Amino acid sequence: MKQWFRHPRVNIRVLTWPSRSSDLNPIEYLWFELKRKLLPRNFRNAKEEWARIPRDTLLGLVESMQAVIKAKGYATKY
């Protein structure tokens, strides 16, 4: 499969992904937060709640992903 990504016509850069990593998909956490905020409101305005997610929350998710990658999938302080 990796050969297909390297093909000159495809040329997609594949990121290094530690094999021991926990779930490095920050969107899962964001969906959880969005659902948590919307459930009491019966999903009335998802777009508005999505925009209210604090920037610090997003930066924290990126930092935690970077820490796991730097630790090569081993435990981190996050």
PDB file of N, CA and C in Angstrom:
ATOM      1  N   MET A   1       0.819  -1.190   0.000  1.00  0.00           N
ATOM      2  CA  MET A   1       0.000   0.000   0.000  1.00  0.00           C
ATOM      3  C   MET A   1       0.865   1.258   0.000  1.00  0.00           C
ATOM      4  N   LYS A   2       1.962   1.249   0.778  1.00  0.00           N
ATOM      5  CA  LYS A   2       2.817   2.429   0.838  1.00  0.00           C
ATOM      6  C   LYS A   2       3.400   2.770  -0.530  1.00  0.00           C
ATOM      7  N   GLN A   3       3.620   1.757  -1.340  1.00  0.00           N
ATOM      8  CA  GLN A   3       4.171   2.008  -2.674  1.00  0.00           C
ATOM      9  C   GLN A   3       3.213   2.845  -3.508  1.00  0.00           C
ATOM     10  N   TRP A   4       1.927   2.620  -3.359  1.00  0.00           N
ATOM     11  CA  TRP A   4       0.933   3.389  -4.105  1.00  0.00           C
ATOM     12  C   TRP A   4       1.038   4.875  -3.758  1.00  0.00           C
ATOM     13  N   PHE A   5       1.204   5.179  -2.463  1.00  0.00           N
ATOM     14  CA  PHE A   5       1.330   6.576  -2.040  1.00  0.00           C
ATOM     15  C   PHE A   5       2.582   7.235  -2.618  1.00  0.00           C
ATOM     16  N   ARG A   6       3.627   6.465  -2.800  1.00  0.00           N
ATOM     17  CA  ARG A   6       4.896   7.011  -3.309  1.00  0.00           C
ATOM     18  C   ARG A   6       4.924   7.155  -4.832  1.00  0.00           C
ATOM     19  N   HIS A   7       3.962   6.599  -5.508  1.00  0.00           N
ATOM     20  CA  HIS A   7       3.929   6.654  -6.967  1.00  0.00           C
ATOM     21  C   HIS A   7       3.955   8.115  -7.425  1.00  0.00           C
ATOM     22  N   PRO A   8       4.756   8.458  -8.443  1.00  0.00           N
ATOM     23  CA  PRO A   8       4.867   9.856  -8.903  1.00  0.00           C
ATOM     24  C   PRO A   8       3.532  10.501  -9.266  1.00  0.00           C
ATOM     25  N   ARG A   9       2.587   9.740  -9.760  1.00  0.00           N
ATOM     26  CA  ARG A   9       1.287  10.325 -10.129  1.00  0.00           C
ATOM     27  C   ARG A   9       0.412  10.602  -8.914  1.00  0.00           C
ATOM     28  N   VAL A  10       0.657   9.873  -7.819  1.00  0.00           N
ATOM     29  CA  VAL A  10      -0.137  10.044  -6.598  1.00  0.00           C
ATOM     30  C   VAL A  10       0.563  11.047  -5.681  1.00  0.00           C
ATOM     31  N   ASN A  11       1.803  10.753  -5.318  1.00  0.00           N
ATOM     32  CA  ASN A  11       2.666  11.628  -4.533  1.00  0.00           C
ATOM     33  C   ASN A  11       1.983  12.191  -3.289  1.00  0.00           C
ATOM     34  N   ILE A  12       1.563  11.293  -2.400  1.00  0.00           N
ATOM     35  CA  ILE A  12       0.959  11.691  -1.125  1.00  0.00           C
ATOM     36  C   ILE A  12       1.966  11.426  -0.018  1.00  0.00           C
ATOM     37  N   ARG A  13       2.221  12.437   0.774  1.00  0.00           N
ATOM     38  CA  ARG A  13       3.158  12.301   1.886  1.00  0.00           C
ATOM     39  C   ARG A  13       2.478  11.532   3.021  1.00  0.00           C
ATOM     40  N   VAL A  14       3.096  10.439   3.450  1.00  0.00           N
ATOM     41  CA  VAL A  14       2.560   9.617   4.529  1.00  0.00           C
ATOM     42  C   VAL A  14       3.260  10.018   5.819  1.00  0.00           C
ATOM     43  N   LEU A  15       2.465  10.339   6.845  1.00  0.00           N
ATOM     44  CA  LEU A  15       3.021  10.741   8.130  1.00  0.00           C
ATOM     45  C   LEU A  15       3.457   9.529   8.932  1.00  0.00           C
ATOM     46  N   THR A  16       4.484   9.709   9.739  1.00  0.00           N
ATOM     47  CA  THR A  16       4.927   8.659  10.642  1.00  0.00           C
ATOM     48  C   THR A  16       3.897   8.551  11.758  1.00  0.00           C
ATOM     49  N   TRP A  17       3.444   7.348  12.025  1.00  0.00           N
ATOM     50  CA  TRP A  17       2.406   7.123  13.033  1.00  0.00           C
ATOM     51  C   TRP A  17       2.902   6.054  13.986  1.00  0.00           C
ATOM     52  N   PRO A  18       3.194   6.410  15.236  1.00  0.00           N
ATOM     53  CA  PRO A  18       3.725   5.413  16.172  1.00  0.00           C
ATOM     54  C   PRO A  18       2.794   4.208  16.328  1.00  0.00           C
ATOM     55  N   SER A  19       3.362   3.022  16.288  1.00  0.00           N
ATOM     56  CA  SER A  19       2.547   1.815  16.353  1.00  0.00           C
ATOM     57  C   SER A  19       1.914   1.606  17.728  1.00  0.00           C
ATOM     58  N   ARG A  20       2.497   2.164  18.763  1.00  0.00           N
ATOM     59  CA  ARG A  20       1.961   1.984  20.105  1.00  0.00           C
ATOM     60  C   ARG A  20       1.063   3.146  20.527  1.00  0.00           C
ATOM     61  N   SER A  21       0.723   4.001  19.616  1.00  0.00           N
ATOM     62  CA  SER A  21      -0.009   5.210  19.985  1.00  0.00           C
ATOM     63  C   SER A  21      -1.423   4.926  20.439  1.00  0.00           C
ATOM     64  N   SER A  22      -1.862   5.778  21.354  1.00  0.00           N
ATOM     65  CA  SER A  22      -3.274   5.741  21.715  1.00  0.00           C
ATOM     66  C   SER A  22      -4.020   6.413  20.565  1.00  0.00           C
ATOM     67  N   ASP A  23      -5.286   6.627  20.703  1.00  0.00           N
ATOM     68  CA  ASP A  23      -6.056   7.231  19.620  1.00  0.00           C
ATOM     69  C   ASP A  23      -5.580   8.661  19.393  1.00  0.00           C
ATOM     70  N   LEU A  24      -4.954   8.892  18.255  1.00  0.00           N
ATOM     71  CA  LEU A  24      -4.431  10.219  17.932  1.00  0.00           C
ATOM     72  C   LEU A  24      -5.388  11.000  17.045  1.00  0.00           C
ATOM     73  N   ASN A  25      -6.640  10.722  17.150  1.00  0.00           N
ATOM     74  CA  ASN A  25      -7.619  11.389  16.319  1.00  0.00           C
ATOM     75  C   ASN A  25      -8.350  12.438  17.153  1.00  0.00           C
ATOM     76  N   PRO A  26      -7.911  13.696  17.101  1.00  0.00           N
ATOM     77  CA  PRO A  26      -8.511  14.722  17.962  1.00  0.00           C
ATOM     78  C   PRO A  26      -9.967  15.013  17.637  1.00  0.00           C
ATOM     79  N   ILE A  27     -10.412  14.700  16.446  1.00  0.00           N
ATOM     80  CA  ILE A  27     -11.800  14.992  16.087  1.00  0.00           C
ATOM     81  C   ILE A  27     -12.758  14.178  16.958  1.00  0.00           C
ATOM     82  N   GLU A  28     -12.343  12.990  17.408  1.00  0.00           N
ATOM     83  CA  GLU A  28     -13.199  12.185  18.280  1.00  0.00           C
ATOM     84  C   GLU A  28     -13.479  12.922  19.584  1.00  0.00           C
ATOM     85  N   TYR A  29     -12.446  13.527  20.151  1.00  0.00           N
ATOM     86  CA  TYR A  29     -12.633  14.293  21.381  1.00  0.00           C
ATOM     87  C   TYR A  29     -13.533  15.502  21.130  1.00  0.00           C
ATOM     88  N   LEU A  30     -13.331  16.178  19.998  1.00  0.00           N
ATOM     89  CA  LEU A  30     -14.154  17.344  19.686  1.00  0.00           C
ATOM     90  C   LEU A  30     -15.616  16.969  19.477  1.00  0.00           C
ATOM     91  N   TRP A  31     -15.880  15.840  18.823  1.00  0.00           N
ATOM     92  CA  TRP A  31     -17.267  15.382  18.656  1.00  0.00           C
ATOM     93  C   TRP A  31     -17.891  15.095  20.014  1.00  0.00           C
ATOM     94  N   PHE A  32     -17.108  14.475  20.909  1.00  0.00           N
ATOM     95  CA  PHE A  32     -17.602  14.190  22.250  1.00  0.00           C
ATOM     96  C   PHE A  32     -18.005  15.485  22.958  1.00  0.00           C
ATOM     97  N   GLU A  33     -17.136  16.500  22.893  1.00  0.00           N
ATOM     98  CA  GLU A  33     -17.422  17.789  23.519  1.00  0.00           C
ATOM     99  C   GLU A  33     -18.666  18.437  22.915  1.00  0.00           C
ATOM    100  N   LEU A  34     -18.765  18.382  21.609  1.00  0.00           N
ATOM    101  CA  LEU A  34     -19.914  18.984  20.931  1.00  0.00           C
ATOM    102  C   LEU A  34     -21.215  18.288  21.358  1.00  0.00           C
ATOM    103  N   LYS A  35     -21.209  16.966  21.384  1.00  0.00           N
ATOM    104  CA  LYS A  35     -22.401  16.224  21.807  1.00  0.00           C
ATOM    105  C   LYS A  35     -22.770  16.558  23.243  1.00  0.00           C
ATOM    106  N   ARG A  36     -21.751  16.650  24.101  1.00  0.00           N
ATOM    107  CA  ARG A  36     -21.986  16.952  25.513  1.00  0.00           C
ATOM    108  C   ARG A  36     -22.676  18.305  25.676  1.00  0.00           C
ATOM    109  N   LYS A  37     -22.282  19.273  24.875  1.00  0.00           N
ATOM    110  CA  LYS A  37     -22.870  20.610  24.962  1.00  0.00           C
ATOM    111  C   LYS A  37     -24.247  20.684  24.313  1.00  0.00           C
ATOM    112  N   LEU A  38     -24.475  19.854  23.316  1.00  0.00           N
ATOM    113  CA  LEU A  38     -25.737  19.935  22.580  1.00  0.00           C
ATOM    114  C   LEU A  38     -26.857  19.082  23.171  1.00  0.00           C
ATOM    115  N   LEU A  39     -26.533  18.017  23.863  1.00  0.00           N
ATOM    116  CA  LEU A  39     -27.583  17.136  24.392  1.00  0.00           C
ATOM    117  C   LEU A  39     -28.625  17.884  25.228  1.00  0.00           C
ATOM    118  N   PRO A  40     -28.221  18.758  26.142  1.00  0.00           N
ATOM    119  CA  PRO A  40     -29.250  19.480  26.903  1.00  0.00           C
ATOM    120  C   PRO A  40     -30.112  20.392  26.033  1.00  0.00           C
ATOM    121  N   ARG A  41     -29.629  20.752  24.864  1.00  0.00           N
ATOM    122  CA  ARG A  41     -30.352  21.662  23.973  1.00  0.00           C
ATOM    123  C   ARG A  41     -31.047  20.933  22.829  1.00  0.00           C
ATOM    124  N   ASN A  42     -31.024  19.636  22.835  1.00  0.00           N
ATOM    125  CA  ASN A  42     -31.643  18.836  21.771  1.00  0.00           C
ATOM    126  C   ASN A  42     -31.075  19.144  20.386  1.00  0.00           C
ATOM    127  N   PHE A  43     -29.787  19.341  20.291  1.00  0.00           N
ATOM    128  CA  PHE A  43     -29.094  19.535  19.015  1.00  0.00           C
ATOM    129  C   PHE A  43     -29.667  20.689  18.190  1.00  0.00           C
ATOM    130  N   ARG A  44     -29.937  21.794  18.817  1.00  0.00           N
ATOM    131  CA  ARG A  44     -30.547  22.909  18.092  1.00  0.00           C
ATOM    132  C   ARG A  44     -29.568  23.694  17.226  1.00  0.00           C
ATOM    133  N   ASN A  45     -28.370  23.946  17.731  1.00  0.00           N
ATOM    134  CA  ASN A  45     -27.458  24.786  16.961  1.00  0.00           C
ATOM    135  C   ASN A  45     -26.026  24.274  17.063  1.00  0.00           C
ATOM    136  N   ALA A  46     -25.722  23.235  16.310  1.00  0.00           N
ATOM    137  CA  ALA A  46     -24.398  22.623  16.351  1.00  0.00           C
ATOM    138  C   ALA A  46     -23.334  23.589  15.843  1.00  0.00           C
ATOM    139  N   LYS A  47     -23.643  24.352  14.827  1.00  0.00           N
ATOM    140  CA  LYS A  47     -22.655  25.275  14.254  1.00  0.00           C
ATOM    141  C   LYS A  47     -22.212  26.311  15.283  1.00  0.00           C
ATOM    142  N   GLU A  48     -23.154  26.817  16.042  1.00  0.00           N
ATOM    143  CA  GLU A  48     -22.840  27.808  17.063  1.00  0.00           C
ATOM    144  C   GLU A  48     -21.966  27.196  18.169  1.00  0.00           C
ATOM    145  N   GLU A  49     -22.316  26.007  18.616  1.00  0.00           N
ATOM    146  CA  GLU A  49     -21.528  25.343  19.659  1.00  0.00           C
ATOM    147  C   GLU A  49     -20.136  24.968  19.158  1.00  0.00           C
ATOM    148  N   TRP A  50     -20.052  24.549  17.903  1.00  0.00           N
ATOM    149  CA  TRP A  50     -18.748  24.206  17.312  1.00  0.00           C
ATOM    150  C   TRP A  50     -17.828  25.426  17.364  1.00  0.00           C
ATOM    151  N   ALA A  51     -18.368  26.603  17.049  1.00  0.00           N
ATOM    152  CA  ALA A  51     -17.579  27.842  17.049  1.00  0.00           C
ATOM    153  C   ALA A  51     -17.173  28.256  18.461  1.00  0.00           C
ATOM    154  N   ARG A  52     -17.866  27.775  19.473  1.00  0.00           N
ATOM    155  CA  ARG A  52     -17.563  28.136  20.863  1.00  0.00           C
ATOM    156  C   ARG A  52     -16.486  27.275  21.499  1.00  0.00           C
ATOM    157  N   ILE A  53     -16.034  26.261  20.819  1.00  0.00           N
ATOM    158  CA  ILE A  53     -14.979  25.427  21.401  1.00  0.00           C
ATOM    159  C   ILE A  53     -13.745  26.312  21.572  1.00  0.00           C
ATOM    160  N   PRO A  54     -13.239  26.409  22.793  1.00  0.00           N
ATOM    161  CA  PRO A  54     -12.110  27.316  23.054  1.00  0.00           C
ATOM    162  C   PRO A  54     -10.856  26.945  22.276  1.00  0.00           C
ATOM    163  N   ARG A  55     -10.147  27.963  21.863  1.00  0.00           N
ATOM    164  CA  ARG A  55      -8.895  27.763  21.124  1.00  0.00           C
ATOM    165  C   ARG A  55      -7.905  26.940  21.954  1.00  0.00           C
ATOM    166  N   ASP A  56      -7.905  27.166  23.268  1.00  0.00           N
ATOM    167  CA  ASP A  56      -7.003  26.410  24.149  1.00  0.00           C
ATOM    168  C   ASP A  56      -7.287  24.910  24.092  1.00  0.00           C
ATOM    169  N   THR A  57      -8.544  24.540  23.918  1.00  0.00           N
ATOM    170  CA  THR A  57      -8.903  23.125  23.785  1.00  0.00           C
ATOM    171  C   THR A  57      -8.259  22.540  22.538  1.00  0.00           C
ATOM    172  N   LEU A  58      -8.357  23.267  21.430  1.00  0.00           N
ATOM    173  CA  LEU A  58      -7.771  22.797  20.168  1.00  0.00           C
ATOM    174  C   LEU A  58      -6.259  22.704  20.264  1.00  0.00           C
ATOM    175  N   LEU A  59      -5.632  23.726  20.840  1.00  0.00           N
ATOM    176  CA  LEU A  59      -4.174  23.714  20.990  1.00  0.00           C
ATOM    177  C   LEU A  59      -3.723  22.571  21.900  1.00  0.00           C
ATOM    178  N   GLY A  60      -4.500  22.294  22.947  1.00  0.00           N
ATOM    179  CA  GLY A  60      -4.166  21.184  23.838  1.00  0.00           C
ATOM    180  C   GLY A  60      -4.194  19.851  23.123  1.00  0.00           C
ATOM    181  N   LEU A  61      -5.159  19.677  22.238  1.00  0.00           N
ATOM    182  CA  LEU A  61      -5.239  18.430  21.467  1.00  0.00           C
ATOM    183  C   LEU A  61      -4.036  18.267  20.551  1.00  0.00           C
ATOM    184  N   VAL A  62      -3.642  19.352  19.905  1.00  0.00           N
ATOM    185  CA  VAL A  62      -2.469  19.302  19.024  1.00  0.00           C
ATOM    186  C   VAL A  62      -1.219  18.994  19.839  1.00  0.00           C
ATOM    187  N   GLU A  63      -1.071  19.652  20.986  1.00  0.00           N
ATOM    188  CA  GLU A  63       0.106  19.415  21.832  1.00  0.00           C
ATOM    189  C   GLU A  63       0.154  17.973  22.332  1.00  0.00           C
ATOM    190  N   SER A  64      -1.000  17.412  22.674  1.00  0.00           N
ATOM    191  CA  SER A  64      -1.000  16.031  23.156  1.00  0.00           C
ATOM    192  C   SER A  64      -0.628  15.065  22.033  1.00  0.00           C
ATOM    193  N   MET A  65      -1.078  15.344  20.814  1.00  0.00           N
ATOM    194  CA  MET A  65      -0.698  14.505  19.676  1.00  0.00           C
ATOM    195  C   MET A  65       0.796  14.592  19.428  1.00  0.00           C
ATOM    196  N   GLN A  66       1.336  15.806  19.492  1.00  0.00           N
ATOM    197  CA  GLN A  66       2.775  15.994  19.280  1.00  0.00           C
ATOM    198  C   GLN A  66       3.574  15.259  20.350  1.00  0.00           C
ATOM    199  N   ALA A  67       3.087  15.274  21.597  1.00  0.00           N
ATOM    200  CA  ALA A  67       3.788  14.588  22.680  1.00  0.00           C
ATOM    201  C   ALA A  67       3.810  13.081  22.456  1.00  0.00           C
ATOM    202  N   VAL A  68       2.706  12.513  22.000  1.00  0.00           N
ATOM    203  CA  VAL A  68       2.652  11.065  21.743  1.00  0.00           C
ATOM    204  C   VAL A  68       3.580  10.699  20.594  1.00  0.00           C
ATOM    205  N   ILE A  69       3.586  11.513  19.564  1.00  0.00           N
ATOM    206  CA  ILE A  69       4.473  11.252  18.422  1.00  0.00           C
ATOM    207  C   ILE A  69       5.926  11.352  18.852  1.00  0.00           C
ATOM    208  N   LYS A  70       6.253  12.376  19.649  1.00  0.00           N
ATOM    209  CA  LYS A  70       7.624  12.548  20.135  1.00  0.00           C
ATOM    210  C   LYS A  70       8.041  11.366  21.018  1.00  0.00           C
ATOM    211  N   ALA A  71       7.090  10.830  21.797  1.00  0.00           N
ATOM    212  CA  ALA A  71       7.372   9.688  22.673  1.00  0.00           C
ATOM    213  C   ALA A  71       7.291   8.362  21.922  1.00  0.00           C
ATOM    214  N   LYS A  72       7.109   8.423  20.615  1.00  0.00           N
ATOM    215  CA  LYS A  72       7.033   7.241  19.759  1.00  0.00           C
ATOM    216  C   LYS A  72       5.946   6.269  20.223  1.00  0.00           C
ATOM    217  N   GLY A  73       4.833   6.833  20.677  1.00  0.00           N
ATOM    218  CA  GLY A  73       3.697   6.024  21.060  1.00  0.00           C
ATOM    219  C   GLY A  73       3.678   5.599  22.510  1.00  0.00           C
ATOM    220  N   TYR A  74       4.743   5.890  23.240  1.00  0.00           N
ATOM    221  CA  TYR A  74       4.759   5.534  24.659  1.00  0.00           C
ATOM    222  C   TYR A  74       4.002   6.582  25.471  1.00  0.00           C
ATOM    223  N   ALA A  75       3.843   6.327  26.761  1.00  0.00           N
ATOM    224  CA  ALA A  75       3.083   7.205  27.638  1.00  0.00           C
ATOM    225  C   ALA A  75       3.667   8.616  27.677  1.00  0.00           C
ATOM    226  N   THR A  76       2.781   9.580  27.858  1.00  0.00           N
ATOM    227  CA  THR A  76       3.172  10.980  27.971  1.00  0.00           C
ATOM    228  C   THR A  76       2.551  11.554  29.241  1.00  0.00           C
ATOM    229  N   LYS A  77       2.823  12.819  29.485  1.00  0.00           N
ATOM    230  CA  LYS A  77       2.251  13.487  30.659  1.00  0.00           C
ATOM    231  C   LYS A  77       0.805  13.907  30.421  1.00  0.00           C
ATOM    232  N   TYR A  78       0.321  13.830  29.188  1.00  0.00           N
ATOM    233  CA  TYR A  78      -1.041  14.263  28.877  1.00  0.00           C
ATOM    234  C   TYR A  78      -2.038  13.225  29.268  1.00  0.00           C
TER     235      TYR A  78
END
